[in-house]
C-alpha atoms as a PDB file:
ATOM      1  CA  LEU A   1      53.377  37.299  53.276  1.00  0.00           C
ATOM      2  CA  ASN A   2      51.521  34.472  51.755  1.00  0.00           C
ATOM      3  CA  LEU A   3      51.633  31.475  54.599  1.00  0.00           C
ATOM      4  CA  LEU A   4      50.829  28.196  55.274  1.00  0.00           C
ATOM      5  CA  GLU A   5      51.271  26.420  58.213  1.00  0.00           C
ATOM      6  CA  ARG A   6      54.990  26.572  59.193  1.00  0.00           C
ATOM      7  CA  LYS A   7      56.606  23.167  59.988  1.00  0.00           C
ATOM      8  CA  ASN A   8      60.023  22.598  61.298  1.00  0.00           C
ATOM      9  CA  ILE A   9      61.740  21.682  57.837  1.00  0.00           C
ATOM     10  CA  MET A  10      65.424  21.128  57.563  1.00  0.00           C
ATOM     11  CA  ILE A  11      65.674  19.273  54.289  1.00  0.00           C
ATOM     12  CA  CYS A  12      64.613  19.987  50.871  1.00  0.00           C
ATOM     13  CA  ASN A  13      65.371  17.540  48.009  1.00  0.00           C
ATOM     14  CA  VAL A  14      65.080  19.725  44.645  1.00  0.00           C
ATOM     15  CA  VAL A  15      64.850  18.459  40.978  1.00  0.00           C
ATOM     16  CA  CYS A  16      65.100  21.132  38.341  1.00  0.00           C
ATOM     17  CA  ILE A  17      64.002  20.352  34.841  1.00  0.00           C
ATOM     18  CA  GLN A  18      65.705  21.662  31.957  1.00  0.00           C
ATOM     19  CA  THR A  19      63.343  21.392  28.399  1.00  0.00           C
ATOM     20  CA  TYR A  20      63.080  22.528  25.196  1.00  0.00           C
ATOM     21  CA  PRO A  21      59.551  23.678  24.828  1.00  0.00           C
ATOM     22  CA  PHE A  22      57.506  23.409  21.600  1.00  0.00           C
ATOM     23  CA  LEU A  23      56.425  26.982  20.738  1.00  0.00           C
ATOM     24  CA  CYS A  24      53.134  27.701  21.373  1.00  0.00           C
ATOM     25  CA  ASP A  25      51.952  24.050  21.644  1.00  0.00           C
ATOM     26  CA  LYS A  26      51.139  23.981  25.346  1.00  0.00           C
ATOM     27  CA  ALA A  27      49.513  20.299  24.930  1.00  0.00           C
ATOM     28  CA  LYS A  28      53.004  18.684  24.149  1.00  0.00           C
ATOM     29  CA  ASN A  29      54.638  20.942  26.372  1.00  0.00           C
ATOM     30  CA  ILE A  30      52.587  19.413  29.289  1.00  0.00           C
ATOM     31  CA  ASN A  31      52.911  16.004  28.307  1.00  0.00           C
ATOM     32  CA  LYS A  32      56.908  16.437  27.776  1.00  0.00           C
ATOM     33  CA  MET A  33      56.797  18.105  30.920  1.00  0.00           C
ATOM     34  CA  ILE A  34      55.169  15.755  32.873  1.00  0.00           C
ATOM     35  CA  GLU A  35      57.016  12.809  30.743  1.00  0.00           C
ATOM     36  CA  LEU A  36      60.533  14.068  32.095  1.00  0.00           C
ATOM     37  CA  LEU A  37      59.348  15.102  35.841  1.00  0.00           C
ATOM     38  CA  GLU A  38      58.071  11.141  35.548  1.00  0.00           C
ATOM     39  CA  LYS A  39      61.608   9.946  34.631  1.00  0.00           C
ATOM     40  CA  ALA A  40      63.126  12.428  37.424  1.00  0.00           C
ATOM     41  CA  VAL A  41      61.372  10.998  40.308  1.00  0.00           C
ATOM     42  CA  SER A  42      61.452   7.493  39.362  1.00  0.00           C
ATOM     43  CA  GLU A  43      65.285   7.908  39.371  1.00  0.00           C
ATOM     44  CA  LYS A  44      64.905  10.256  42.548  1.00  0.00           C
ATOM     45  CA  PRO A  45      62.502   8.792  44.702  1.00  0.00           C
ATOM     46  CA  ASP A  46      63.208  11.114  47.395  1.00  0.00           C
ATOM     47  CA  THR A  47      62.127  14.230  45.390  1.00  0.00           C
ATOM     48  CA  GLN A  48      59.867  16.730  47.381  1.00  0.00           C
ATOM     49  CA  LEU A  49      60.036  19.435  45.021  1.00  0.00           C
ATOM     50  CA  VAL A  50      60.476  19.705  40.944  1.00  0.00           C
ATOM     51  CA  VAL A  51      61.093  23.020  38.953  1.00  0.00           C
ATOM     52  CA  PHE A  52      60.550  23.988  35.639  1.00  0.00           C
ATOM     53  CA  PRO A  53      61.951  26.989  33.519  1.00  0.00           C
ATOM     54  CA  GLU A  54      60.074  30.205  32.680  1.00  0.00           C
ATOM     55  CA  LEU A  55      57.009  29.993  30.243  1.00  0.00           C
ATOM     56  CA  ALA A  56      57.484  25.979  30.210  1.00  0.00           C
ATOM     57  CA  THR A  57      54.346  25.321  29.082  1.00  0.00           C
ATOM     58  CA  THR A  58      54.219  27.657  25.989  1.00  0.00           C
ATOM     59  CA  GLY A  59      58.005  28.506  24.813  1.00  0.00           C
ATOM     60  CA  TYR A  60      59.028  32.116  25.064  1.00  0.00           C
ATOM     61  CA  GLU A  61      58.541  34.008  21.430  1.00  0.00           C
ATOM     62  CA  CYS A  62      54.781  33.429  21.163  1.00  0.00           C
ATOM     63  CA  GLY A  63      53.550  36.873  20.622  1.00  0.00           C
ATOM     64  CA  GLU A  64      50.192  37.503  19.801  1.00  0.00           C
ATOM     65  CA  LYS A  65      49.503  34.012  20.698  1.00  0.00           C
ATOM     66  CA  PHE A  66      50.070  34.688  24.207  1.00  0.00           C
ATOM     67  CA  LYS A  67      46.445  36.081  24.137  1.00  0.00           C
ATOM     68  CA  GLU A  68      45.308  32.531  23.654  1.00  0.00           C
ATOM     69  CA  LEU A  69      47.703  30.658  25.549  1.00  0.00           C
ATOM     70  CA  ALA A  70      47.375  32.436  28.912  1.00  0.00           C
ATOM     71  CA  GLU A  71      45.240  30.950  31.173  1.00  0.00           C
ATOM     72  CA  VAL A  72      43.466  31.953  34.742  1.00  0.00           C
ATOM     73  CA  ILE A  73      45.108  30.316  37.378  1.00  0.00           C
ATOM     74  CA  ASP A  74      42.268  28.260  39.222  1.00  0.00           C
ATOM     75  CA  ASP A  75      40.929  24.943  39.256  1.00  0.00           C
ATOM     76  CA  LYS A  76      39.504  25.268  35.977  1.00  0.00           C
ATOM     77  CA  SER A  77      43.161  25.516  34.535  1.00  0.00           C
ATOM     78  CA  GLU A  78      44.276  22.743  32.189  1.00  0.00           C
ATOM     79  CA  THR A  79      47.467  23.133  33.434  1.00  0.00           C
ATOM     80  CA  VAL A  80      46.823  23.661  37.024  1.00  0.00           C
ATOM     81  CA  GLN A  81      44.683  20.164  36.569  1.00  0.00           C
ATOM     82  CA  ALA A  82      47.513  18.494  34.792  1.00  0.00           C
ATOM     83  CA  PHE A  83      50.060  19.306  37.156  1.00  0.00           C
ATOM     84  CA  SER A  84      48.040  19.161  40.455  1.00  0.00           C
ATOM     85  CA  ASN A  85      47.107  15.548  39.204  1.00  0.00           C
ATOM     86  CA  VAL A  86      50.970  14.470  39.244  1.00  0.00           C
ATOM     87  CA  ALA A  87      51.707  16.152  42.548  1.00  0.00           C
ATOM     88  CA  LEU A  88      49.423  14.507  44.345  1.00  0.00           C
ATOM     89  CA  LYS A  89      50.548  11.160  42.354  1.00  0.00           C
ATOM     90  CA  HIS A  90      54.011  11.572  43.503  1.00  0.00           C
ATOM     91  CA  ASN A  91      53.653  13.807  46.807  1.00  0.00           C
ATOM     92  CA  ILE A  92      55.816  16.406  45.200  1.00  0.00           C
ATOM     93  CA  HIS A  93      55.545  20.262  45.230  1.00  0.00           C
ATOM     94  CA  ILE A  94      55.798  21.927  41.938  1.00  0.00           C
ATOM     95  CA  ILE A  95      56.997  25.184  40.626  1.00  0.00           C
ATOM     96  CA  LEU A  96      56.487  26.001  36.913  1.00  0.00           C
ATOM     97  CA  GLY A  97      56.515  29.047  34.681  1.00  0.00           C
ATOM     98  CA  MET A  98      53.250  29.974  32.420  1.00  0.00           C
ATOM     99  CA  ALA A  99      51.294  32.854  30.889  1.00  0.00           C
ATOM    100  CA  GLU A 100      48.613  33.846  33.043  1.00  0.00           C
ATOM    101  CA  ARG A 101      45.269  35.513  32.646  1.00  0.00           C
ATOM    102  CA  ASP A 102      43.939  38.201  34.784  1.00  0.00           C
ATOM    103  CA  ALA A 103      40.585  36.719  36.302  1.00  0.00           C
ATOM    104  CA  ASN A 104      39.016  39.947  36.601  1.00  0.00           C
ATOM    105  CA  ALA A 105      40.251  41.597  32.943  1.00  0.00           C
ATOM    106  CA  SER A 106      40.625  39.152  30.461  1.00  0.00           C
ATOM    107  CA  GLU A 107      42.859  41.635  28.415  1.00  0.00           C
ATOM    108  CA  ILE A 108      45.484  41.463  31.417  1.00  0.00           C
ATOM    109  CA  LEU A 109      48.217  38.660  30.948  1.00  0.00           C
ATOM    110  CA  TYR A 110      51.329  38.013  33.438  1.00  0.00           C
ATOM    111  CA  ASN A 111      54.441  36.256  33.159  1.00  0.00           C
ATOM    112  CA  SER A 112      53.994  33.901  35.973  1.00  0.00           C
ATOM    113  CA  GLN A 113      55.217  31.011  38.216  1.00  0.00           C
ATOM    114  CA  LEU A 114      52.635  28.313  39.576  1.00  0.00           C
ATOM    115  CA  PHE A 115      53.093  26.876  42.654  1.00  0.00           C
ATOM    116  CA  ILE A 116      51.293  23.820  43.477  1.00  0.00           C
ATOM    117  CA  SER A 117      51.425  21.662  46.857  1.00  0.00           C
ATOM    118  CA  ASN A 118      51.815  17.749  47.185  1.00  0.00           C
ATOM    119  CA  LYS A 119      48.142  17.857  47.719  1.00  0.00           C
ATOM    120  CA  GLY A 120      47.400  19.115  44.264  1.00  0.00           C
ATOM    121  CA  LYS A 121      46.496  22.522  45.784  1.00  0.00           C
ATOM    122  CA  ILE A 122      47.333  25.836  44.217  1.00  0.00           C
ATOM    123  CA  ILE A 123      49.903  27.403  46.883  1.00  0.00           C
ATOM    124  CA  GLY A 124      50.130  30.805  44.886  1.00  0.00           C
ATOM    125  CA  THR A 125      51.643  32.488  41.913  1.00  0.00           C
ATOM    126  CA  TYR A 126      54.178  35.156  41.025  1.00  0.00           C
ATOM    127  CA  ARG A 127      53.711  37.144  38.452  1.00  0.00           C
ATOM    128  CA  LYS A 128      57.175  38.691  37.222  1.00  0.00           C
ATOM    129  CA  ILE A 129      57.894  42.336  38.154  1.00  0.00           C
ATOM    130  CA  HIS A 130      60.566  43.487  35.907  1.00  0.00           C
ATOM    131  CA  LEU A 131      59.975  42.811  32.106  1.00  0.00           C
ATOM    132  CA  PHE A 132      62.173  42.427  29.521  1.00  0.00           C
ATOM    133  CA  ASP A 133      62.127  44.163  26.380  1.00  0.00           C
ATOM    134  CA  THR A 134      59.658  42.423  24.119  1.00  0.00           C
ATOM    135  CA  GLU A 135      57.876  41.164  26.877  1.00  0.00           C
ATOM    136  CA  LYS A 136      56.273  44.357  27.870  1.00  0.00           C
ATOM    137  CA  ASP A 137      54.291  44.511  24.485  1.00  0.00           C
ATOM    138  CA  TRP A 138      52.203  41.243  25.922  1.00  0.00           C
ATOM    139  CA  PHE A 139      52.588  40.994  29.842  1.00  0.00           C
ATOM    140  CA  THR A 140      51.658  43.368  32.753  1.00  0.00           C
ATOM    141  CA  ALA A 141      54.171  43.508  35.217  1.00  0.00           C
ATOM    142  CA  GLY A 142      53.672  42.021  38.913  1.00  0.00           C
ATOM    143  CA  THR A 143      53.793  44.138  41.818  1.00  0.00           C
ATOM    144  CA  GLU A 144      54.410  41.740  44.710  1.00  0.00           C
ATOM    145  CA  TYR A 145      57.301  39.665  46.094  1.00  0.00           C
ATOM    146  CA  LYS A 146      56.082  36.754  47.803  1.00  0.00           C
ATOM    147  CA  VAL A 147      57.618  34.121  50.335  1.00  0.00           C
ATOM    148  CA  PHE A 148      55.371  31.171  50.494  1.00  0.00           C
ATOM    149  CA  ASP A 149      56.119  29.087  53.992  1.00  0.00           C
ATOM    150  CA  THR A 150      55.473  25.569  52.832  1.00  0.00           C
ATOM    151  CA  GLU A 151      56.185  21.778  53.983  1.00  0.00           C
ATOM    152  CA  VAL A 152      59.294  22.115  51.684  1.00  0.00           C
ATOM    153  CA  GLY A 153      60.672  25.425  53.410  1.00  0.00           C
ATOM    154  CA  ARG A 154      60.214  29.359  53.084  1.00  0.00           C
ATOM    155  CA  ILE A 155      60.036  29.516  49.494  1.00  0.00           C
ATOM    156  CA  GLY A 156      60.517  32.897  47.610  1.00  0.00           C
ATOM    157  CA  LEU A 157      59.952  33.075  43.856  1.00  0.00           C
ATOM    158  CA  PHE A 158      61.393  35.214  41.193  1.00  0.00           C
ATOM    159  CA  ILE A 159      61.521  34.980  37.376  1.00  0.00           C
ATOM    160  CA  CYS A 160      64.614  35.528  34.915  1.00  0.00           C
ATOM    161  CA  TYR A 161      65.620  39.343  34.606  1.00  0.00           C
ATOM    162  CA  ASP A 162      64.528  39.749  38.251  1.00  0.00           C
ATOM    163  CA  ALA A 163      67.790  38.280  39.280  1.00  0.00           C
ATOM    164  CA  SER A 164      69.340  41.404  37.525  1.00  0.00           C
ATOM    165  CA  PHE A 165      68.027  43.393  40.433  1.00  0.00           C
ATOM    166  CA  PRO A 166      69.378  42.857  43.829  1.00  0.00           C
ATOM    167  CA  GLU A 167      66.427  44.294  45.595  1.00  0.00           C
ATOM    168  CA  VAL A 168      64.537  41.391  44.490  1.00  0.00           C
ATOM    169  CA  SER A 169      66.545  38.768  46.109  1.00  0.00           C
ATOM    170  CA  ARG A 170      67.460  40.748  49.126  1.00  0.00           C
ATOM    171  CA  ILE A 171      63.574  41.760  49.863  1.00  0.00           C
ATOM    172  CA  LEU A 172      62.688  38.250  49.647  1.00  0.00           C
ATOM    173  CA  ALA A 173      65.747  37.167  51.955  1.00  0.00           C
ATOM    174  CA  ILE A 174      64.355  39.660  54.136  1.00  0.00           C
ATOM    175  CA  LYS A 175      60.975  38.106  54.538  1.00  0.00           C
ATOM    176  CA  GLY A 176      62.684  34.541  55.657  1.00  0.00           C
ATOM    177  CA  ALA A 177      62.898  32.607  52.578  1.00  0.00           C
ATOM    178  CA  GLU A 178      65.211  30.114  52.671  1.00  0.00           C
ATOM    179  CA  LEU A 179      65.071  28.833  48.909  1.00  0.00           C
ATOM    180  CA  LEU A 180      64.278  31.006  45.929  1.00  0.00           C
ATOM    181  CA  VAL A 181      63.308  29.370  43.307  1.00  0.00           C
ATOM    182  CA  HIS A 182      64.362  31.362  39.479  1.00  0.00           C
ATOM    183  CA  SER A 183      62.625  30.153  36.867  1.00  0.00           C
ATOM    184  CA  THR A 184      63.872  31.601  33.680  1.00  0.00           C
ATOM    185  CA  ASN A 185      64.617  31.861  29.969  1.00  0.00           C
ATOM    186  CA  TRP A 186      68.031  33.096  29.540  1.00  0.00           C
ATOM    187  CA  ASN A 187      69.637  33.565  25.978  1.00  0.00           C
ATOM    188  CA  LYS A 188      72.699  33.493  24.551  1.00  0.00           C
ATOM    189  CA  PRO A 189      75.083  34.955  24.600  1.00  0.00           C
ATOM    190  CA  ASP A 190      74.702  35.837  27.951  1.00  0.00           C
ATOM    191  CA  ASP A 191      75.495  32.789  29.958  1.00  0.00           C
ATOM    192  CA  TYR A 192      77.865  34.656  32.055  1.00  0.00           C
ATOM    193  CA  ASP A 193      75.321  37.325  33.103  1.00  0.00           C
ATOM    194  CA  MET A 194      73.249  34.368  34.276  1.00  0.00           C
ATOM    195  CA  ASP A 195      75.852  32.178  36.323  1.00  0.00           C
ATOM    196  CA  MET A 196      77.198  35.320  37.966  1.00  0.00           C
ATOM    197  CA  TYR A 197      73.853  36.862  39.262  1.00  0.00           C
ATOM    198  CA  VAL A 198      72.535  33.758  40.465  1.00  0.00           C
ATOM    199  CA  SER A 199      75.444  32.723  42.582  1.00  0.00           C
ATOM    200  CA  VAL A 200      75.847  36.591  43.903  1.00  0.00           C
ATOM    201  CA  ARG A 201      72.178  36.793  44.818  1.00  0.00           C
ATOM    202  CA  ALA A 202      72.545  33.447  46.661  1.00  0.00           C
ATOM    203  CA  LEU A 203      76.039  34.774  48.546  1.00  0.00           C
ATOM    204  CA  GLU A 204      74.852  38.066  49.308  1.00  0.00           C
ATOM    205  CA  ASN A 205      71.532  37.022  50.803  1.00  0.00           C
ATOM    206  CA  THR A 206      72.952  33.365  52.395  1.00  0.00           C
ATOM    207  CA  VAL A 207      70.021  31.733  50.756  1.00  0.00           C
ATOM    208  CA  TYR A 208      69.765  28.702  48.464  1.00  0.00           C
ATOM    209  CA  ILE A 209      68.630  29.337  44.817  1.00  0.00           C
ATOM    210  CA  ALA A 210      67.550  26.560  42.637  1.00  0.00           C
ATOM    211  CA  CYS A 211      68.061  27.922  38.663  1.00  0.00           C
ATOM    212  CA  CYS A 212      66.015  26.644  35.976  1.00  0.00           C
ATOM    213  CA  ASN A 213      66.718  27.490  32.004  1.00  0.00           C
ATOM    214  CA  ARG A 214      65.456  26.167  29.116  1.00  0.00           C
ATOM    215  CA  ILE A 215      67.691  25.169  25.926  1.00  0.00           C
ATOM    216  CA  GLY A 216      66.953  25.340  22.347  1.00  0.00           C
ATOM    217  CA  LYS A 217      65.706  28.205  19.952  1.00  0.00           C
ATOM    218  CA  ASP A 218      62.162  29.810  19.306  1.00  0.00           C
ATOM    219  CA  LYS A 219      62.243  32.344  16.646  1.00  0.00           C
ATOM    220  CA  SER A 220      64.997  34.714  16.968  1.00  0.00           C
ATOM    221  CA  LEU A 221      66.090  33.700  20.302  1.00  0.00           C
ATOM    222  CA  ASP A 222      68.652  30.834  21.578  1.00  0.00           C
ATOM    223  CA  PHE A 223      68.605  29.437  25.199  1.00  0.00           C
ATOM    224  CA  PHE A 224      71.839  27.924  26.518  1.00  0.00           C
ATOM    225  CA  GLY A 225      70.510  25.951  29.658  1.00  0.00           C
ATOM    226  CA  HIS A 226      73.075  25.968  32.797  1.00  0.00           C
ATOM    227  CA  THR A 227      70.108  24.952  35.079  1.00  0.00           C
ATOM    228  CA  ARG A 228      71.853  24.580  38.727  1.00  0.00           C
ATOM    229  CA  ILE A 229      71.114  24.530  42.162  1.00  0.00           C
ATOM    230  CA  ILE A 230      73.538  26.969  44.321  1.00  0.00           C
ATOM    231  CA  ASP A 231      74.354  27.140  47.961  1.00  0.00           C
ATOM    232  CA  PRO A 232      74.244  29.952  50.270  1.00  0.00           C
ATOM    233  CA  THR A 233      77.867  30.762  49.821  1.00  0.00           C
ATOM    234  CA  GLY A 234      77.329  30.943  46.088  1.00  0.00           C
ATOM    235  CA  ARG A 235      78.471  27.612  45.293  1.00  0.00           C
ATOM    236  CA  ILE A 236      77.215  25.324  42.623  1.00  0.00           C
ATOM    237  CA  ILE A 237      75.702  22.403  44.352  1.00  0.00           C
ATOM    238  CA  SER A 238      74.919  20.246  41.251  1.00  0.00           C
ATOM    239  CA  GLU A 239      73.950  21.673  37.372  1.00  0.00           C
ATOM    240  CA  ILE A 240      73.028  20.374  33.740  1.00  0.00           C
ATOM    241  CA  LYS A 241      76.470  20.761  31.684  1.00  0.00           C
ATOM    242  CA  GLY A 242      75.332  20.623  27.726  1.00  0.00           C
ATOM    243  CA  GLU A 243      72.363  21.828  25.898  1.00  0.00           C
ATOM    244  CA  VAL A 244      70.160  18.906  26.706  1.00  0.00           C
ATOM    245  CA  GLU A 245      66.642  18.140  28.325  1.00  0.00           C
ATOM    246  CA  GLY A 246      67.273  16.667  31.467  1.00  0.00           C
ATOM    247  CA  TYR A 247      67.431  17.345  35.251  1.00  0.00           C
ATOM    248  CA  THR A 248      69.332  17.960  38.470  1.00  0.00           C
ATOM    249  CA  PHE A 249      69.097  17.227  41.872  1.00  0.00           C
ATOM    250  CA  ALA A 250      70.236  18.439  45.196  1.00  0.00           C
ATOM    251  CA  SER A 251      69.529  17.717  48.829  1.00  0.00           C
ATOM    252  CA  LEU A 252      69.249  21.079  50.461  1.00  0.00           C
ATOM    253  CA  ASP A 253      70.200  21.510  54.315  1.00  0.00           C
ATOM    254  CA  TYR A 254      68.195  24.634  55.254  1.00  0.00           C
ATOM    255  CA  GLY A 255      70.188  24.205  58.667  1.00  0.00           C
ATOM    256  CA  ARG A 256      73.477  25.103  56.862  1.00  0.00           C
ATOM    257  CA  ILE A 257      71.897  28.916  56.582  1.00  0.00           C
ATOM    258  CA  ASN A 258      71.464  29.688  60.350  1.00  0.00           C
ATOM    259  CA  LYS A 259      74.986  28.023  60.958  1.00  0.00           C
ATOM    260  CA  LEU A 260      76.585  29.932  58.436  1.00  0.00           C
ATOM    261  CA  LYS A 261      74.512  33.368  59.552  1.00  0.00           C
ATOM    262  CA  GLU A 262      76.050  32.547  62.925  1.00  0.00           C
ATOM    263  CA  ASN A 263      79.986  32.282  61.329  1.00  0.00           C
ATOM    264  CA  GLY A 264      80.607  35.178  59.029  1.00  0.00           C
ATOM    265  CA  TYR A 265      77.695  35.616  56.905  1.00  0.00           C
ATOM    266  CA  THR A 266      76.367  38.338  59.170  1.00  0.00           C
ATOM    267  CA  MET A 267      75.300  40.527  55.923  1.00  0.00           C
ATOM    268  CA  LEU A 268      71.203  40.198  56.835  1.00  0.00           C
ATOM    269  CA  SER A 269      71.718  41.138  60.434  1.00  0.00           C
ATOM    270  CA  GLU A 270      74.264  44.020  60.127  1.00  0.00           C
ATOM    271  CA  ARG A 271      72.036  46.030  57.148  1.00  0.00           C
ATOM    272  CA  ARG A 272      72.101  49.877  57.661  1.00  0.00           C
ATOM    273  CA  PRO A 273      68.241  50.443  56.269  1.00  0.00           C
ATOM    274  CA  GLU A 274      68.361  54.066  57.564  1.00  0.00           C
ATOM    275  CA  LEU A 275      71.596  54.825  54.801  1.00  0.00           C
ATOM    276  CA  TYR A 276      70.037  53.005  51.938  1.00  0.00           C
ATOM    277  CA  LYS A 277      67.193  55.810  51.396  1.00  0.00           C
ATOM    278  CA  SER A 278      68.898  56.973  48.503  1.00  0.00           C
ATOM    279  CA  ILE A 279      68.214  53.687  46.581  1.00  0.00           C
ATOM    280  CA  CYS A 280      64.801  54.663  46.326  1.00  0.00           C
ATOM    281  CA  GLU A 281      65.212  57.916  44.844  1.00  0.00           C
END
């Protein structure tokens, strides 16, 4: 686990922002993301955590241009600096998708989530483990599932296609995650698939899920949105209806998770891992 000092957090107010990125134009995307964030937090001043989609700063079908757009995630990063300033200004945590460059091997790129604290500091990153289709041409797969213990709860990160694998969210739940943040670029016509996956992953692990998708078309792919926040029984708390830029807000009660686990939702405590070895064969 990558842990910060744990505090007794019971409520987390989350905003998911649905965007239509400019393809391969990082500066424009950062400006638009900050504009949408400013609007959201002005209307929802109690916001503590803001979530953006996968590859929100670049768009999805960048191809070779990912080599130019990717950044080492450190204090010198254009993206880190921009969102650190906003996080500090509004006293909010921010999670966003971006193309990351390996600090020790510049030719290695990752499809990553960046997690910034309300103090403007890098909490950590998650590198997508299950790469989809042409992503394998540009990105290297990550190897580590991460849960961050923060002032907004125990947060597990996963990206898009990762949701298709039940092992991912289960591992994060076993590590103690209360909220899973799913940044995604899920495209048409597979809206049913994404909707079903995120609800089932929440239900089977008794966790909240903040699923943040994008809209619009890049080159060949068209993205449907359906950004939503799911409760620990798999039900939608809030969502964005329609292919529009905007945000959805929900107040998450982490105390409800323990109450559910004491009243019927006992799946994690009643696992039989000694009988599950065939899953890894």
